[in-house]
Amino acid sequence: MSFEVFEKLEAKVQQAIDTITLLQMEIEELKEKNSALAQEVQSAAGNHEALARENQQLKEEQHLWQDRLRALLGKMEEV
């Protein structure tokens, strides 16, 4: 009788070991995915900053053109 109990216990231990091994593999896979996603986030943040700078530069350029246009329109009204 105790031999059967030992065999059942051994099977459960083996099953636990297999489950732990699979979970460890899954953890490693998730760590790799997490790392890749972190790099994507960092890249997206860099792109966002570059686009924000470009947007600011274009707004400043637009204001300069508007000022020039207003000055030209002012001169035309004087004539």
C-alpha atoms as a PDB file:
ATOM      1  CA  MET A   1       0.000   0.000   0.000  1.00  0.00           C
ATOM      2  CA  SER A   2       2.757   2.460   0.871  1.00  0.00           C
ATOM      3  CA  PHE A   3       4.438   1.756  -2.472  1.00  0.00           C
ATOM      4  CA  GLU A   4       1.331   2.981  -4.309  1.00  0.00           C
ATOM      5  CA  VAL A   5       1.252   6.110  -2.170  1.00  0.00           C
ATOM      6  CA  PHE A   6       4.924   6.691  -2.931  1.00  0.00           C
ATOM      7  CA  GLU A   7       4.291   6.282  -6.668  1.00  0.00           C
ATOM      8  CA  LYS A   8       1.405   8.783  -6.527  1.00  0.00           C
ATOM      9  CA  LEU A   9       3.557  11.213  -4.597  1.00  0.00           C
ATOM     10  CA  GLU A  10       6.399  10.779  -7.082  1.00  0.00           C
ATOM     11  CA  ALA A  11       3.993  11.436  -9.974  1.00  0.00           C
ATOM     12  CA  LYS A  12       2.719  14.577  -8.290  1.00  0.00           C
ATOM     13  CA  VAL A  13       6.259  15.789  -7.634  1.00  0.00           C
ATOM     14  CA  GLN A  14       7.193  15.159 -11.272  1.00  0.00           C
ATOM     15  CA  GLN A  15       4.068  16.992 -12.395  1.00  0.00           C
ATOM     16  CA  ALA A  16       4.976  19.922 -10.128  1.00  0.00           C
ATOM     17  CA  ILE A  17       8.528  19.980 -11.535  1.00  0.00           C
ATOM     18  CA  ASP A  18       7.167  19.977 -15.091  1.00  0.00           C
ATOM     19  CA  THR A  19       4.757  22.780 -14.265  1.00  0.00           C
ATOM     20  CA  ILE A  20       7.517  24.833 -12.636  1.00  0.00           C
ATOM     21  CA  THR A  21       9.768  24.312 -15.661  1.00  0.00           C
ATOM     22  CA  LEU A  22       7.023  25.445 -18.034  1.00  0.00           C
ATOM     23  CA  LEU A  23       6.285  28.471 -15.869  1.00  0.00           C
ATOM     24  CA  GLN A  24       9.967  29.408 -15.781  1.00  0.00           C
ATOM     25  CA  MET A  25      10.091  29.235 -19.581  1.00  0.00           C
ATOM     26  CA  GLU A  26       6.973  31.386 -19.789  1.00  0.00           C
ATOM     27  CA  ILE A  27       8.500  33.915 -17.375  1.00  0.00           C
ATOM     28  CA  GLU A  28      11.623  34.173 -19.544  1.00  0.00           C
ATOM     29  CA  GLU A  29       9.477  34.652 -22.647  1.00  0.00           C
ATOM     30  CA  LEU A  30       7.457  37.366 -20.924  1.00  0.00           C
ATOM     31  CA  LYS A  31      10.640  39.100 -19.753  1.00  0.00           C
ATOM     32  CA  GLU A  32      11.881  39.209 -23.343  1.00  0.00           C
ATOM     33  CA  LYS A  33       8.545  40.603 -24.550  1.00  0.00           C
ATOM     34  CA  ASN A  34       8.590  43.160 -21.754  1.00  0.00           C
ATOM     35  CA  SER A  35      12.081  44.247 -22.731  1.00  0.00           C
ATOM     36  CA  ALA A  36      11.072  44.593 -26.387  1.00  0.00           C
ATOM     37  CA  LEU A  37       8.008  46.614 -25.426  1.00  0.00           C
ATOM     38  CA  ALA A  38      10.087  48.852 -23.167  1.00  0.00           C
ATOM     39  CA  GLN A  39      12.384  49.576 -26.119  1.00  0.00           C
ATOM     40  CA  GLU A  40       9.348  50.369 -28.298  1.00  0.00           C
ATOM     41  CA  VAL A  41       8.040  52.764 -25.652  1.00  0.00           C
ATOM     42  CA  GLN A  42      11.417  54.454 -25.432  1.00  0.00           C
ATOM     43  CA  SER A  43      11.581  54.789 -29.206  1.00  0.00           C
ATOM     44  CA  ALA A  44       8.041  56.174 -29.352  1.00  0.00           C
ATOM     45  CA  ALA A  45       8.894  58.710 -26.639  1.00  0.00           C
ATOM     46  CA  GLY A  46      11.921  59.823 -28.649  1.00  0.00           C
ATOM     47  CA  ASN A  47       9.785  60.166 -31.763  1.00  0.00           C
ATOM     48  CA  HIS A  48       7.223  62.137 -29.798  1.00  0.00           C
ATOM     49  CA  GLU A  49       9.884  64.554 -28.558  1.00  0.00           C
ATOM     50  CA  ALA A  50      11.255  65.022 -32.079  1.00  0.00           C
ATOM     51  CA  LEU A  51       7.779  65.673 -33.443  1.00  0.00           C
ATOM     52  CA  ALA A  52       7.015  68.122 -30.654  1.00  0.00           C
ATOM     53  CA  ARG A  53      10.226  70.058 -31.445  1.00  0.00           C
ATOM     54  CA  GLU A  54       9.416  70.053 -35.146  1.00  0.00           C
ATOM     55  CA  ASN A  55       5.872  71.219 -34.414  1.00  0.00           C
ATOM     56  CA  GLN A  56       7.199  74.080 -32.286  1.00  0.00           C
ATOM     57  CA  GLN A  57       9.666  75.061 -34.989  1.00  0.00           C
ATOM     58  CA  LEU A  58       6.926  75.073 -37.641  1.00  0.00           C
ATOM     59  CA  LYS A  59       4.673  77.185 -35.418  1.00  0.00           C
ATOM     60  CA  GLU A  60       7.462  79.725 -34.981  1.00  0.00           C
ATOM     61  CA  GLU A  61       8.064  79.739 -38.719  1.00  0.00           C
ATOM     62  CA  GLN A  62       4.352  80.257 -39.329  1.00  0.00           C
ATOM     63  CA  HIS A  63       4.327  83.238 -36.974  1.00  0.00           C
ATOM     64  CA  LEU A  64       7.293  84.765 -38.810  1.00  0.00           C
ATOM     65  CA  TRP A  65       5.498  84.397 -42.135  1.00  0.00           C
ATOM     66  CA  GLN A  66       2.330  85.876 -40.678  1.00  0.00           C
ATOM     67  CA  ASP A  67       4.300  88.876 -39.384  1.00  0.00           C
ATOM     68  CA  ARG A  68       5.951  89.355 -42.785  1.00  0.00           C
ATOM     69  CA  LEU A  69       2.589  89.124 -44.531  1.00  0.00           C
ATOM     70  CA  ARG A  70       1.058  91.648 -42.152  1.00  0.00           C
ATOM     71  CA  ALA A  71       3.975  94.003 -42.795  1.00  0.00           C
ATOM     72  CA  LEU A  72       3.541  93.664 -46.568  1.00  0.00           C
ATOM     73  CA  LEU A  73      -0.208  94.220 -46.309  1.00  0.00           C
ATOM     74  CA  GLY A  74       0.461  97.287 -44.178  1.00  0.00           C
ATOM     75  CA  LYS A  75       2.803  98.678 -46.836  1.00  0.00           C
ATOM     76  CA  MET A  76       0.225  97.997 -49.555  1.00  0.00           C
ATOM     77  CA  GLU A  77      -2.413  99.903 -47.605  1.00  0.00           C
ATOM     78  CA  GLU A  78      -0.063 102.859 -47.310  1.00  0.00           C
ATOM     79  CA  VAL A  79       0.281 103.019 -51.092  1.00  0.00           C
END
